Amino acid sequence: MDIVKPWGKLEFDDNRQPCGWQKLADHCHDEAAVFAALLRLPGIRRRLAKLAGGDSLDEVTCARLAVLSFLHDF
């Protein structure tokens, strides 16, 4: 019996056939890193704070949000 490993993203060849995949943990790590980088941009950080009903996001909140973004596919 083959064990199916969890994957995060598939790669496709020119004929739209799957030819590779990225591990789920690697995909989630990439997503969290991108989200953390976006939170360092003042405009995005300010808009997210406003959406959450506040004036700003502190570093602890940003770190927690990055963890949640890591868990987005779980």
C-alpha atoms as a PDB file:
ATOM      1  CA  MET A   1       0.000   0.000   0.000  1.00  0.00           C
ATOM      2  CA  ASP A   2       1.325   3.453  -0.931  1.00  0.00           C
ATOM      3  CA  ILE A   3       1.318   6.115   1.753  1.00  0.00           C
ATOM      4  CA  VAL A   4       0.037   9.449   0.495  1.00  0.00           C
ATOM      5  CA  LYS A   5       2.176  12.304   1.757  1.00  0.00           C
ATOM      6  CA  PRO A   6       0.528  15.672   2.371  1.00  0.00           C
ATOM      7  CA  TRP A   7       1.476  18.272  -0.220  1.00  0.00           C
ATOM      8  CA  GLY A   8       1.031  22.014  -0.371  1.00  0.00           C
ATOM      9  CA  LYS A   9       1.449  22.862  -4.055  1.00  0.00           C
ATOM     10  CA  LEU A  10       1.695  20.899  -7.276  1.00  0.00           C
ATOM     11  CA  GLU A  11       3.941  21.785 -10.177  1.00  0.00           C
ATOM     12  CA  PHE A  12       2.673  21.203 -13.701  1.00  0.00           C
ATOM     13  CA  ASP A  13       4.516  20.629 -16.960  1.00  0.00           C
ATOM     14  CA  ASP A  14       3.661  22.299 -20.285  1.00  0.00           C
ATOM     15  CA  ASN A  15       0.893  19.744 -20.857  1.00  0.00           C
ATOM     16  CA  ARG A  16      -0.729  20.611 -17.494  1.00  0.00           C
ATOM     17  CA  GLN A  17       0.303  17.267 -16.025  1.00  0.00           C
ATOM     18  CA  PRO A  18       1.530  17.147 -12.407  1.00  0.00           C
ATOM     19  CA  CYS A  19       5.308  16.787 -12.404  1.00  0.00           C
ATOM     20  CA  GLY A  20       6.288  17.692  -8.842  1.00  0.00           C
ATOM     21  CA  TRP A  21       5.035  18.826  -5.489  1.00  0.00           C
ATOM     22  CA  GLN A  22       6.014  20.880  -2.462  1.00  0.00           C
ATOM     23  CA  LYS A  23       5.705  19.402   1.022  1.00  0.00           C
ATOM     24  CA  LEU A  24       2.836  20.823   3.050  1.00  0.00           C
ATOM     25  CA  ALA A  25       5.137  22.036   5.839  1.00  0.00           C
ATOM     26  CA  ASP A  26       7.388  23.818   3.314  1.00  0.00           C
ATOM     27  CA  HIS A  27       4.388  25.459   1.665  1.00  0.00           C
ATOM     28  CA  CYS A  28       3.049  26.660   5.028  1.00  0.00           C
ATOM     29  CA  HIS A  29       6.489  27.990   6.000  1.00  0.00           C
ATOM     30  CA  ASP A  30       6.654  29.963   2.749  1.00  0.00           C
ATOM     31  CA  GLU A  31       3.171  31.398   3.338  1.00  0.00           C
ATOM     32  CA  ALA A  32       4.054  32.473   6.889  1.00  0.00           C
ATOM     33  CA  ALA A  33       7.301  34.097   5.739  1.00  0.00           C
ATOM     34  CA  VAL A  34       5.499  36.076   3.024  1.00  0.00           C
ATOM     35  CA  PHE A  35       2.760  37.135   5.443  1.00  0.00           C
ATOM     36  CA  ALA A  36       5.346  38.285   8.017  1.00  0.00           C
ATOM     37  CA  ALA A  37       7.119  40.278   5.289  1.00  0.00           C
ATOM     38  CA  LEU A  38       3.825  41.899   4.259  1.00  0.00           C
ATOM     39  CA  LEU A  39       3.205  42.901   7.880  1.00  0.00           C
ATOM     40  CA  ARG A  40       6.466  44.882   7.793  1.00  0.00           C
ATOM     41  CA  LEU A  41       4.951  47.149   5.131  1.00  0.00           C
ATOM     42  CA  PRO A  42       3.389  50.119   6.968  1.00  0.00           C
ATOM     43  CA  GLY A  43       0.390  50.487   4.655  1.00  0.00           C
ATOM     44  CA  ILE A  44      -0.637  46.851   4.869  1.00  0.00           C
ATOM     45  CA  ARG A  45      -0.018  46.721   8.610  1.00  0.00           C
ATOM     46  CA  ARG A  46      -2.121  49.847   9.135  1.00  0.00           C
ATOM     47  CA  ARG A  47      -4.978  48.525   6.987  1.00  0.00           C
ATOM     48  CA  LEU A  48      -5.028  45.180   8.794  1.00  0.00           C
ATOM     49  CA  ALA A  49      -5.082  46.970  12.139  1.00  0.00           C
ATOM     50  CA  LYS A  50      -8.010  49.084  10.959  1.00  0.00           C
ATOM     51  CA  LEU A  51      -9.868  45.972   9.769  1.00  0.00           C
ATOM     52  CA  ALA A  52      -9.336  44.484  13.228  1.00  0.00           C
ATOM     53  CA  GLY A  53     -10.788  47.617  14.822  1.00  0.00           C
ATOM     54  CA  GLY A  54      -7.540  49.106  16.113  1.00  0.00           C
ATOM     55  CA  ASP A  55      -4.972  51.746  15.286  1.00  0.00           C
ATOM     56  CA  SER A  56      -1.891  49.523  15.096  1.00  0.00           C
ATOM     57  CA  LEU A  57      -0.608  45.956  15.395  1.00  0.00           C
ATOM     58  CA  ASP A  58       2.127  45.293  17.935  1.00  0.00           C
ATOM     59  CA  GLU A  59       4.966  42.839  17.308  1.00  0.00           C
ATOM     60  CA  VAL A  60       3.364  40.087  19.418  1.00  0.00           C
ATOM     61  CA  THR A  61       0.149  40.308  17.420  1.00  0.00           C
ATOM     62  CA  CYS A  62       2.096  40.219  14.154  1.00  0.00           C
ATOM     63  CA  ALA A  63       4.000  37.129  15.307  1.00  0.00           C
ATOM     64  CA  ARG A  64       0.746  35.421  16.279  1.00  0.00           C
ATOM     65  CA  LEU A  65      -0.792  36.257  12.917  1.00  0.00           C
ATOM     66  CA  ALA A  66       2.245  34.771  11.172  1.00  0.00           C
ATOM     67  CA  VAL A  67       1.778  31.537  13.152  1.00  0.00           C
ATOM     68  CA  LEU A  68      -1.873  31.441  12.138  1.00  0.00           C
ATOM     69  CA  SER A  69      -0.906  31.952   8.511  1.00  0.00           C
ATOM     70  CA  PHE A  70       1.469  28.976   8.855  1.00  0.00           C
ATOM     71  CA  LEU A  71      -1.502  26.870   9.980  1.00  0.00           C
ATOM     72  CA  HIS A  72      -3.798  28.029   7.162  1.00  0.00           C
ATOM     73  CA  ASP A  73      -3.975  24.618   5.415  1.00  0.00           C
ATOM     74  CA  PHE A  74      -4.237  22.520   8.529  1.00  0.00           C
END
